[in-house]
Amino acid sequence: DDLLRETVEKYDIADIVNIHGLIPRDEVIKREWRS
């Protein structure tokens, strides 16, 4: 999402934001479990 990238830049927090894009749902779920 380009708008997401623009919002990250607006608030100058690019160092802590990771934009992973689309990855398999099973992997996303495991990342949710660890969050």
PDB file of all heavy atoms in Angstrom:
ATOM      1  N   ASP A   1       0.823  -1.194   0.000  1.00  0.00           N
ATOM      2  CA  ASP A   1       0.000   0.000   0.000  1.00  0.00           C
ATOM      3  C   ASP A   1       0.866   1.256   0.000  1.00  0.00           C
ATOM      4  O   ASP A   1       1.553   1.543   0.980  1.00  0.00           O
ATOM      5  CB  ASP A   1      -0.904  -0.021   1.238  1.00  0.00           C
ATOM      6  CG  ASP A   1      -2.040   0.969   1.153  1.00  0.00           C
ATOM      7  OD1 ASP A   1      -1.765   2.170   1.017  1.00  0.00           O
ATOM      8  OD2 ASP A   1      -3.205   0.543   1.248  1.00  0.00           O
ATOM      9  N   ASP A   2       0.808   2.010  -1.084  1.00  0.00           N
ATOM     10  CA  ASP A   2       1.591   3.250  -1.164  1.00  0.00           C
ATOM     11  C   ASP A   2       1.161   4.249  -0.101  1.00  0.00           C
ATOM     12  O   ASP A   2       1.990   4.980   0.458  1.00  0.00           O
ATOM     13  CB  ASP A   2       1.449   3.885  -2.548  1.00  0.00           C
ATOM     14  CG  ASP A   2       2.140   3.082  -3.643  1.00  0.00           C
ATOM     15  OD1 ASP A   2       3.061   2.307  -3.302  1.00  0.00           O
ATOM     16  OD2 ASP A   2       1.769   3.214  -4.822  1.00  0.00           O
ATOM     17  N   LEU A   3      -0.141   4.284   0.187  1.00  0.00           N
ATOM     18  CA  LEU A   3      -0.643   5.218   1.187  1.00  0.00           C
ATOM     19  C   LEU A   3      -0.071   4.900   2.565  1.00  0.00           C
ATOM     20  O   LEU A   3       0.236   5.813   3.350  1.00  0.00           O
ATOM     21  CB  LEU A   3      -2.171   5.172   1.232  1.00  0.00           C
ATOM     22  CG  LEU A   3      -2.859   6.185   2.156  1.00  0.00           C
ATOM     23  CD1 LEU A   3      -2.460   7.611   1.795  1.00  0.00           C
ATOM     24  CD2 LEU A   3      -4.376   6.023   2.081  1.00  0.00           C
ATOM     25  N   LEU A   4       0.088   3.606   2.865  1.00  0.00           N
ATOM     26  CA  LEU A   4       0.698   3.215   4.130  1.00  0.00           C
ATOM     27  C   LEU A   4       2.131   3.727   4.212  1.00  0.00           C
ATOM     28  O   LEU A   4       2.556   4.276   5.239  1.00  0.00           O
ATOM     29  CB  LEU A   4       0.661   1.690   4.288  1.00  0.00           C
ATOM     30  CG  LEU A   4       1.399   1.116   5.493  1.00  0.00           C
ATOM     31  CD1 LEU A   4       0.860   1.685   6.803  1.00  0.00           C
ATOM     32  CD2 LEU A   4       1.303  -0.411   5.499  1.00  0.00           C
ATOM     33  N   ARG A   5       2.867   3.566   3.140  1.00  0.00           N
ATOM     34  CA  ARG A   5       4.258   4.046   3.124  1.00  0.00           C
ATOM     35  C   ARG A   5       4.316   5.563   3.322  1.00  0.00           C
ATOM     36  O   ARG A   5       5.177   6.073   4.053  1.00  0.00           O
ATOM     37  CB  ARG A   5       4.929   3.653   1.806  1.00  0.00           C
ATOM     38  CG  ARG A   5       5.054   2.143   1.623  1.00  0.00           C
ATOM     39  CD  ARG A   5       5.726   1.781   0.307  1.00  0.00           C
ATOM     40  NE  ARG A   5       5.634   0.355   0.073  1.00  0.00           N
ATOM     41  CZ  ARG A   5       6.468  -0.544   0.598  1.00  0.00           C
ATOM     42  NH1 ARG A   5       7.450  -0.134   1.392  1.00  0.00           N
ATOM     43  NH2 ARG A   5       6.326  -1.829   0.338  1.00  0.00           N
ATOM     44  N   GLU A   6       3.386   6.267   2.689  1.00  0.00           N
ATOM     45  CA  GLU A   6       3.350   7.722   2.846  1.00  0.00           C
ATOM     46  C   GLU A   6       3.039   8.107   4.290  1.00  0.00           C
ATOM     47  O   GLU A   6       3.616   9.070   4.823  1.00  0.00           O
ATOM     48  CB  GLU A   6       2.292   8.311   1.912  1.00  0.00           C
ATOM     49  CG  GLU A   6       2.640   8.200   0.432  1.00  0.00           C
ATOM     50  CD  GLU A   6       1.483   8.621  -0.469  1.00  0.00           C
ATOM     51  OE1 GLU A   6       0.469   9.139   0.078  1.00  0.00           O
ATOM     52  OE2 GLU A   6       1.580   8.431  -1.690  1.00  0.00           O
ATOM     53  N   THR A   7       2.143   7.362   4.938  1.00  0.00           N
ATOM     54  CA  THR A   7       1.782   7.653   6.326  1.00  0.00           C
ATOM     55  C   THR A   7       2.953   7.381   7.260  1.00  0.00           C
ATOM     56  O   THR A   7       3.201   8.140   8.202  1.00  0.00           O
ATOM     57  CB  THR A   7       0.559   6.815   6.745  1.00  0.00           C
ATOM     58  OG1 THR A   7      -0.494   6.994   5.799  1.00  0.00           O
ATOM     59  CG2 THR A   7       0.059   7.222   8.125  1.00  0.00           C
ATOM     60  N   VAL A   8       3.678   6.309   6.991  1.00  0.00           N
ATOM     61  CA  VAL A   8       4.870   5.991   7.783  1.00  0.00           C
ATOM     62  C   VAL A   8       5.890   7.120   7.671  1.00  0.00           C
ATOM     63  O   VAL A   8       6.478   7.571   8.672  1.00  0.00           O
ATOM     64  CB  VAL A   8       5.486   4.656   7.321  1.00  0.00           C
ATOM     65  CG1 VAL A   8       6.858   4.446   7.959  1.00  0.00           C
ATOM     66  CG2 VAL A   8       4.560   3.492   7.663  1.00  0.00           C
ATOM     67  N   GLU A   9       6.092   7.607   6.463  1.00  0.00           N
ATOM     68  CA  GLU A   9       7.054   8.703   6.243  1.00  0.00           C
ATOM     69  C   GLU A   9       6.578   9.990   6.913  1.00  0.00           C
ATOM     70  O   GLU A   9       7.379  10.743   7.482  1.00  0.00           O
ATOM     71  CB  GLU A   9       7.244   8.929   4.744  1.00  0.00           C
ATOM     72  CG  GLU A   9       7.975   7.785   4.044  1.00  0.00           C
ATOM     73  CD  GLU A   9       8.067   7.994   2.541  1.00  0.00           C
ATOM     74  OE1 GLU A   9       7.662   9.085   2.070  1.00  0.00           O
ATOM     75  OE2 GLU A   9       8.531   7.070   1.845  1.00  0.00           O
ATOM     76  N   LYS A  10       5.284  10.235   6.862  1.00  0.00           N
ATOM     77  CA  LYS A  10       4.726  11.453   7.461  1.00  0.00           C
ATOM     78  C   LYS A  10       5.054  11.542   8.946  1.00  0.00           C
ATOM     79  O   LYS A  10       5.385  12.626   9.451  1.00  0.00           O
ATOM     80  CB  LYS A  10       3.209  11.472   7.253  1.00  0.00           C
ATOM     81  CG  LYS A  10       2.501  12.626   7.938  1.00  0.00           C
ATOM     82  CD  LYS A  10       0.993  12.544   7.727  1.00  0.00           C
ATOM     83  CE  LYS A  10       0.270  13.648   8.499  1.00  0.00           C
ATOM     84  NZ  LYS A  10      -1.209  13.555   8.322  1.00  0.00           N
ATOM     85  N   TYR A  11       4.971  10.420   9.646  1.00  0.00           N
ATOM     86  CA  TYR A  11       5.219  10.425  11.092  1.00  0.00           C
ATOM     87  C   TYR A  11       6.651  10.035  11.453  1.00  0.00           C
ATOM     88  O   TYR A  11       6.974   9.899  12.635  1.00  0.00           O
ATOM     89  CB  TYR A  11       4.206   9.513  11.801  1.00  0.00           C
ATOM     90  CG  TYR A  11       2.809  10.075  11.749  1.00  0.00           C
ATOM     91  CD1 TYR A  11       1.884   9.614  10.808  1.00  0.00           C
ATOM     92  CD2 TYR A  11       2.409  11.094  12.607  1.00  0.00           C
ATOM     93  CE1 TYR A  11       0.602  10.142  10.737  1.00  0.00           C
ATOM     94  CE2 TYR A  11       1.130  11.618  12.546  1.00  0.00           C
ATOM     95  CZ  TYR A  11       0.236  11.147  11.613  1.00  0.00           C
ATOM     96  OH  TYR A  11      -1.031  11.673  11.550  1.00  0.00           O
ATOM     97  N   ASP A  12       7.478   9.837  10.421  1.00  0.00           N
ATOM     98  CA  ASP A  12       8.907   9.599  10.630  1.00  0.00           C
ATOM     99  C   ASP A  12       9.158   8.421  11.571  1.00  0.00           C
ATOM    100  O   ASP A  12       9.919   8.512  12.541  1.00  0.00           O
ATOM    101  CB  ASP A  12       9.572  10.869  11.179  1.00  0.00           C
ATOM    102  CG  ASP A  12      11.097  10.768  11.179  1.00  0.00           C
ATOM    103  OD1 ASP A  12      11.632  10.017  10.336  1.00  0.00           O
ATOM    104  OD2 ASP A  12      11.732  11.429  12.025  1.00  0.00           O
ATOM    105  N   ILE A  13       8.497   7.294  11.262  1.00  0.00           N
ATOM    106  CA  ILE A  13       8.689   6.105  12.103  1.00  0.00           C
ATOM    107  C   ILE A  13       9.077   4.889  11.261  1.00  0.00           C
ATOM    108  O   ILE A  13       8.800   3.745  11.630  1.00  0.00           O
ATOM    109  CB  ILE A  13       7.433   5.779  12.943  1.00  0.00           C
ATOM    110  CG1 ILE A  13       6.217   5.549  12.034  1.00  0.00           C
ATOM    111  CG2 ILE A  13       7.151   6.860  13.964  1.00  0.00           C
ATOM    112  CD1 ILE A  13       5.036   4.991  12.779  1.00  0.00           C
ATOM    113  N   ALA A  14       9.723   5.144  10.128  1.00  0.00           N
ATOM    114  CA  ALA A  14      10.094   4.048   9.220  1.00  0.00           C
ATOM    115  C   ALA A  14      10.995   3.020   9.891  1.00  0.00           C
ATOM    116  O   ALA A  14      10.997   1.842   9.513  1.00  0.00           O
ATOM    117  CB  ALA A  14      10.780   4.609   7.977  1.00  0.00           C
ATOM    118  N   ASP A  15      11.754   3.421  10.897  1.00  0.00           N
ATOM    119  CA  ASP A  15      12.689   2.509  11.558  1.00  0.00           C
ATOM    120  C   ASP A  15      11.984   1.391  12.318  1.00  0.00           C
ATOM    121  O   ASP A  15      12.596   0.341  12.573  1.00  0.00           O
ATOM    122  CB  ASP A  15      13.585   3.286  12.531  1.00  0.00           C
ATOM    123  CG  ASP A  15      14.583   4.170  11.802  1.00  0.00           C
ATOM    124  OD1 ASP A  15      14.767   3.973  10.590  1.00  0.00           O
ATOM    125  OD2 ASP A  15      15.169   5.060  12.459  1.00  0.00           O
ATOM    126  N   ILE A  16      10.716   1.605  12.688  1.00  0.00           N
ATOM    127  CA  ILE A  16      10.037   0.584  13.493  1.00  0.00           C
ATOM    128  C   ILE A  16       8.892  -0.097  12.745  1.00  0.00           C
ATOM    129  O   ILE A  16       8.244  -0.989  13.284  1.00  0.00           O
ATOM    130  CB  ILE A  16       9.509   1.164  14.819  1.00  0.00           C
ATOM    131  CG1 ILE A  16       8.378   2.179  14.564  1.00  0.00           C
ATOM    132  CG2 ILE A  16      10.630   1.780  15.633  1.00  0.00           C
ATOM    133  CD1 ILE A  16       7.625   2.577  15.826  1.00  0.00           C
ATOM    134  N   VAL A  17       8.625   0.319  11.508  1.00  0.00           N
ATOM    135  CA  VAL A  17       7.507  -0.257  10.744  1.00  0.00           C
ATOM    136  C   VAL A  17       8.044  -1.178   9.652  1.00  0.00           C
ATOM    137  O   VAL A  17       8.886  -0.789   8.844  1.00  0.00           O
ATOM    138  CB  VAL A  17       6.636   0.842  10.119  1.00  0.00           C
ATOM    139  CG1 VAL A  17       5.551   0.217   9.236  1.00  0.00           C
ATOM    140  CG2 VAL A  17       5.992   1.699  11.204  1.00  0.00           C
ATOM    141  N   ASN A  18       7.516  -2.402   9.621  1.00  0.00           N
ATOM    142  CA  ASN A  18       7.872  -3.379   8.589  1.00  0.00           C
ATOM    143  C   ASN A  18       6.639  -3.685   7.752  1.00  0.00           C
ATOM    144  O   ASN A  18       5.623  -4.146   8.280  1.00  0.00           O
ATOM    145  CB  ASN A  18       8.380  -4.678   9.222  1.00  0.00           C
ATOM    146  CG  ASN A  18       9.571  -4.453  10.119  1.00  0.00           C
ATOM    147  OD1 ASN A  18      10.549  -3.828   9.721  1.00  0.00           O
ATOM    148  ND2 ASN A  18       9.501  -4.938  11.357  1.00  0.00           N
ATOM    149  N   ILE A  19       6.736  -3.409   6.451  1.00  0.00           N
ATOM    150  CA  ILE A  19       5.628  -3.688   5.533  1.00  0.00           C
ATOM    151  C   ILE A  19       5.972  -4.943   4.749  1.00  0.00           C
ATOM    152  O   ILE A  19       6.814  -4.930   3.858  1.00  0.00           O
ATOM    153  CB  ILE A  19       5.394  -2.486   4.594  1.00  0.00           C
ATOM    154  CG1 ILE A  19       5.100  -1.219   5.417  1.00  0.00           C
ATOM    155  CG2 ILE A  19       4.238  -2.780   3.636  1.00  0.00           C
ATOM    156  CD1 ILE A  19       4.991   0.045   4.594  1.00  0.00           C
ATOM    157  N   HIS A  20       5.328  -6.049   5.097  1.00  0.00           N
ATOM    158  CA  HIS A  20       5.687  -7.360   4.548  1.00  0.00           C
ATOM    159  C   HIS A  20       4.948  -7.711   3.265  1.00  0.00           C
ATOM    160  O   HIS A  20       5.326  -8.664   2.578  1.00  0.00           O
ATOM    161  CB  HIS A  20       5.424  -8.449   5.596  1.00  0.00           C
ATOM    162  CG  HIS A  20       6.197  -8.271   6.864  1.00  0.00           C
ATOM    163  ND1 HIS A  20       7.463  -8.766   7.042  1.00  0.00           N
ATOM    164  CD2 HIS A  20       5.876  -7.631   8.015  1.00  0.00           C
ATOM    165  CE1 HIS A  20       7.895  -8.465   8.259  1.00  0.00           C
ATOM    166  NE2 HIS A  20       6.947  -7.771   8.873  1.00  0.00           N
ATOM    167  N   GLY A  21       3.860  -7.001   2.969  1.00  0.00           N
ATOM    168  CA  GLY A  21       3.065  -7.357   1.804  1.00  0.00           C
ATOM    169  C   GLY A  21       2.275  -8.635   2.050  1.00  0.00           C
ATOM    170  O   GLY A  21       2.032  -9.046   3.186  1.00  0.00           O
ATOM    171  N   LEU A  22       1.860  -9.266   0.964  1.00  0.00           N
ATOM    172  CA  LEU A  22       1.078 -10.501   1.071  1.00  0.00           C
ATOM    173  C   LEU A  22       1.994 -11.707   1.228  1.00  0.00           C
ATOM    174  O   LEU A  22       2.893 -11.925   0.428  1.00  0.00           O
ATOM    175  CB  LEU A  22       0.216 -10.679  -0.180  1.00  0.00           C
ATOM    176  CG  LEU A  22      -0.940  -9.679  -0.344  1.00  0.00           C
ATOM    177  CD1 LEU A  22      -1.531  -9.785  -1.741  1.00  0.00           C
ATOM    178  CD2 LEU A  22      -2.018  -9.938   0.705  1.00  0.00           C
ATOM    179  N   ILE A  23       1.751 -12.491   2.277  1.00  0.00           N
ATOM    180  CA  ILE A  23       2.467 -13.748   2.480  1.00  0.00           C
ATOM    181  C   ILE A  23       1.415 -14.804   2.811  1.00  0.00           C
ATOM    182  O   ILE A  23       0.269 -14.464   3.123  1.00  0.00           O
ATOM    183  CB  ILE A  23       3.530 -13.643   3.595  1.00  0.00           C
ATOM    184  CG1 ILE A  23       2.867 -13.460   4.968  1.00  0.00           C
ATOM    185  CG2 ILE A  23       4.496 -12.499   3.325  1.00  0.00           C
ATOM    186  CD1 ILE A  23       3.860 -13.562   6.119  1.00  0.00           C
ATOM    187  N   PRO A  24       1.750 -16.107   2.743  1.00  0.00           N
ATOM    188  CA  PRO A  24       0.760 -17.147   3.025  1.00  0.00           C
ATOM    189  C   PRO A  24       0.072 -16.948   4.375  1.00  0.00           C
ATOM    190  O   PRO A  24       0.705 -16.566   5.360  1.00  0.00           O
ATOM    191  CB  PRO A  24       1.592 -18.433   3.002  1.00  0.00           C
ATOM    192  CG  PRO A  24       2.719 -18.125   2.068  1.00  0.00           C
ATOM    193  CD  PRO A  24       3.045 -16.681   2.320  1.00  0.00           C
ATOM    194  N   ARG A  25      -1.232 -17.225   4.391  1.00  0.00           N
ATOM    195  CA  ARG A  25      -2.026 -16.977   5.588  1.00  0.00           C
ATOM    196  C   ARG A  25      -1.498 -17.747   6.801  1.00  0.00           C
ATOM    197  O   ARG A  25      -1.507 -17.216   7.926  1.00  0.00           O
ATOM    198  CB  ARG A  25      -3.493 -17.354   5.328  1.00  0.00           C
ATOM    199  CG  ARG A  25      -4.394 -17.097   6.514  1.00  0.00           C
ATOM    200  CD  ARG A  25      -5.857 -17.223   6.156  1.00  0.00           C
ATOM    201  NE  ARG A  25      -6.673 -17.054   7.341  1.00  0.00           N
ATOM    202  CZ  ARG A  25      -7.085 -18.053   8.113  1.00  0.00           C
ATOM    203  NH1 ARG A  25      -6.766 -19.302   7.798  1.00  0.00           N
ATOM    204  NH2 ARG A  25      -7.831 -17.833   9.177  1.00  0.00           N
ATOM    205  N   ASP A  26      -1.057 -18.972   6.610  1.00  0.00           N
ATOM    206  CA  ASP A  26      -0.533 -19.754   7.733  1.00  0.00           C
ATOM    207  C   ASP A  26       0.652 -19.058   8.388  1.00  0.00           C
ATOM    208  O   ASP A  26       0.806 -19.100   9.620  1.00  0.00           O
ATOM    209  CB  ASP A  26      -0.113 -21.154   7.272  1.00  0.00           C
ATOM    210  CG  ASP A  26      -1.305 -22.036   6.933  1.00  0.00           C
ATOM    211  OD1 ASP A  26      -2.443 -21.646   7.289  1.00  0.00           O
ATOM    212  OD2 ASP A  26      -1.113 -23.093   6.324  1.00  0.00           O
ATOM    213  N   GLU A  27       1.478 -18.413   7.585  1.00  0.00           N
ATOM    214  CA  GLU A  27       2.630 -17.693   8.138  1.00  0.00           C
ATOM    215  C   GLU A  27       2.186 -16.442   8.885  1.00  0.00           C
ATOM    216  O   GLU A  27       2.740 -16.101   9.940  1.00  0.00           O
ATOM    217  CB  GLU A  27       3.603 -17.319   7.015  1.00  0.00           C
ATOM    218  CG  GLU A  27       4.278 -18.520   6.350  1.00  0.00           C
ATOM    219  CD  GLU A  27       5.255 -18.093   5.264  1.00  0.00           C
ATOM    220  OE1 GLU A  27       5.810 -16.975   5.360  1.00  0.00           O
ATOM    221  OE2 GLU A  27       5.456 -18.881   4.325  1.00  0.00           O
ATOM    222  N   VAL A  28       1.177 -15.746   8.339  1.00  0.00           N
ATOM    223  CA  VAL A  28       0.655 -14.568   9.022  1.00  0.00           C
ATOM    224  C   VAL A  28       0.107 -14.946  10.390  1.00  0.00           C
ATOM    225  O   VAL A  28       0.352 -14.268  11.394  1.00  0.00           O
ATOM    226  CB  VAL A  28      -0.454 -13.897   8.183  1.00  0.00           C
ATOM    227  CG1 VAL A  28      -1.083 -12.737   8.956  1.00  0.00           C
ATOM    228  CG2 VAL A  28       0.104 -13.391   6.870  1.00  0.00           C
ATOM    229  N   ILE A  29      -0.636 -16.049  10.444  1.00  0.00           N
ATOM    230  CA  ILE A  29      -1.222 -16.490  11.712  1.00  0.00           C
ATOM    231  C   ILE A  29      -0.140 -16.756  12.754  1.00  0.00           C
ATOM    232  O   ILE A  29      -0.263 -16.361  13.919  1.00  0.00           O
ATOM    233  CB  ILE A  29      -2.091 -17.745  11.484  1.00  0.00           C
ATOM    234  CG1 ILE A  29      -3.384 -17.347  10.764  1.00  0.00           C
ATOM    235  CG2 ILE A  29      -2.406 -18.440  12.804  1.00  0.00           C
ATOM    236  CD1 ILE A  29      -4.250 -18.499  10.359  1.00  0.00           C
ATOM    237  N   LYS A  30       0.931 -17.397  12.350  1.00  0.00           N
ATOM    238  CA  LYS A  30       2.021 -17.668  13.305  1.00  0.00           C
ATOM    239  C   LYS A  30       2.667 -16.369  13.785  1.00  0.00           C
ATOM    240  O   LYS A  30       3.080 -16.260  14.952  1.00  0.00           O
ATOM    241  CB  LYS A  30       3.053 -18.602  12.675  1.00  0.00           C
ATOM    242  CG  LYS A  30       2.566 -20.036  12.516  1.00  0.00           C
ATOM    243  CD  LYS A  30       3.633 -20.939  11.939  1.00  0.00           C
ATOM    244  CE  LYS A  30       3.210 -22.404  11.987  1.00  0.00           C
ATOM    245  NZ  LYS A  30       1.967 -22.675  11.250  1.00  0.00           N
ATOM    246  N   ARG A  31       2.758 -15.376  12.890  1.00  0.00           N
ATOM    247  CA  ARG A  31       3.292 -14.080  13.312  1.00  0.00           C
ATOM    248  C   ARG A  31       2.329 -13.396  14.293  1.00  0.00           C
ATOM    249  O   ARG A  31       2.763 -12.710  15.224  1.00  0.00           O
ATOM    250  CB  ARG A  31       3.531 -13.193  12.086  1.00  0.00           C
ATOM    251  CG  ARG A  31       4.611 -13.716  11.139  1.00  0.00           C
ATOM    252  CD  ARG A  31       5.989 -13.705  11.767  1.00  0.00           C
ATOM    253  NE  ARG A  31       6.485 -12.373  12.013  1.00  0.00           N
ATOM    254  CZ  ARG A  31       7.229 -11.677  11.158  1.00  0.00           C
ATOM    255  NH1 ARG A  31       7.564 -12.189   9.984  1.00  0.00           N
ATOM    256  NH2 ARG A  31       7.649 -10.464  11.474  1.00  0.00           N
ATOM    257  N   GLU A  32       1.039 -13.581  14.085  1.00  0.00           N
ATOM    258  CA  GLU A  32       0.053 -13.045  15.038  1.00  0.00           C
ATOM    259  C   GLU A  32       0.210 -13.707  16.400  1.00  0.00           C
ATOM    260  O   GLU A  32       0.139 -13.033  17.439  1.00  0.00           O
ATOM    261  CB  GLU A  32      -1.360 -13.270  14.496  1.00  0.00           C
ATOM    262  CG  GLU A  32      -1.701 -12.444  13.268  1.00  0.00           C
ATOM    263  CD  GLU A  32      -2.986 -12.880  12.597  1.00  0.00           C
ATOM    264  OE1 GLU A  32      -3.611 -13.857  13.059  1.00  0.00           O
ATOM    265  OE2 GLU A  32      -3.364 -12.246  11.594  1.00  0.00           O
ATOM    266  N   TRP A  33       0.410 -15.012  16.411  1.00  0.00           N
ATOM    267  CA  TRP A  33       0.576 -15.735  17.666  1.00  0.00           C
ATOM    268  C   TRP A  33       1.780 -15.249  18.465  1.00  0.00           C
ATOM    269  O   TRP A  33       1.771 -15.269  19.690  1.00  0.00           O
ATOM    270  CB  TRP A  33       0.733 -17.229  17.383  1.00  0.00           C
ATOM    271  CG  TRP A  33      -0.507 -17.913  16.885  1.00  0.00           C
ATOM    272  CD1 TRP A  33      -1.745 -17.353  16.703  1.00  0.00           C
ATOM    273  CD2 TRP A  33      -0.639 -19.281  16.505  1.00  0.00           C
ATOM    274  NE1 TRP A  33      -2.624 -18.288  16.227  1.00  0.00           N
ATOM    275  CE2 TRP A  33      -1.979 -19.487  16.101  1.00  0.00           C
ATOM    276  CE3 TRP A  33       0.243 -20.354  16.455  1.00  0.00           C
ATOM    277  CZ2 TRP A  33      -2.451 -20.725  15.660  1.00  0.00           C
ATOM    278  CZ3 TRP A  33      -0.220 -21.591  16.024  1.00  0.00           C
ATOM    279  CH2 TRP A  33      -1.554 -21.771  15.634  1.00  0.00           C
ATOM    280  N   ARG A  34       2.822 -14.802  17.770  1.00  0.00           N
ATOM    281  CA  ARG A  34       4.059 -14.385  18.434  1.00  0.00           C
ATOM    282  C   ARG A  34       4.056 -12.911  18.832  1.00  0.00           C
ATOM    283  O   ARG A  34       4.936 -12.449  19.558  1.00  0.00           O
ATOM    284  CB  ARG A  34       5.267 -14.645  17.520  1.00  0.00           C
ATOM    285  CG  ARG A  34       5.514 -16.114  17.192  1.00  0.00           C
ATOM    286  CD  ARG A  34       6.864 -16.302  16.543  1.00  0.00           C
ATOM    287  NE  ARG A  34       7.938 -15.966  17.474  1.00  0.00           N
ATOM    288  CZ  ARG A  34       8.930 -15.119  17.208  1.00  0.00           C
ATOM    289  NH1 ARG A  34       8.977 -14.484  16.043  1.00  0.00           N
ATOM    290  NH2 ARG A  34       9.863 -14.875  18.105  1.00  0.00           N
ATOM    291  N   SER A  35       3.061 -12.173  18.371  1.00  0.00           N
ATOM    292  CA  SER A  35       3.052 -10.726  18.588  1.00  0.00           C
ATOM    293  C   SER A  35       2.639 -10.362  20.010  1.00  0.00           C
ATOM    294  O   SER A  35       1.780 -11.016  20.610  1.00  0.00           O
ATOM    295  CB  SER A  35       2.097 -10.069  17.580  1.00  0.00           C
ATOM    296  OG  SER A  35       2.208  -8.675  17.621  1.00  0.00           O
TER     297      SER A  35
END
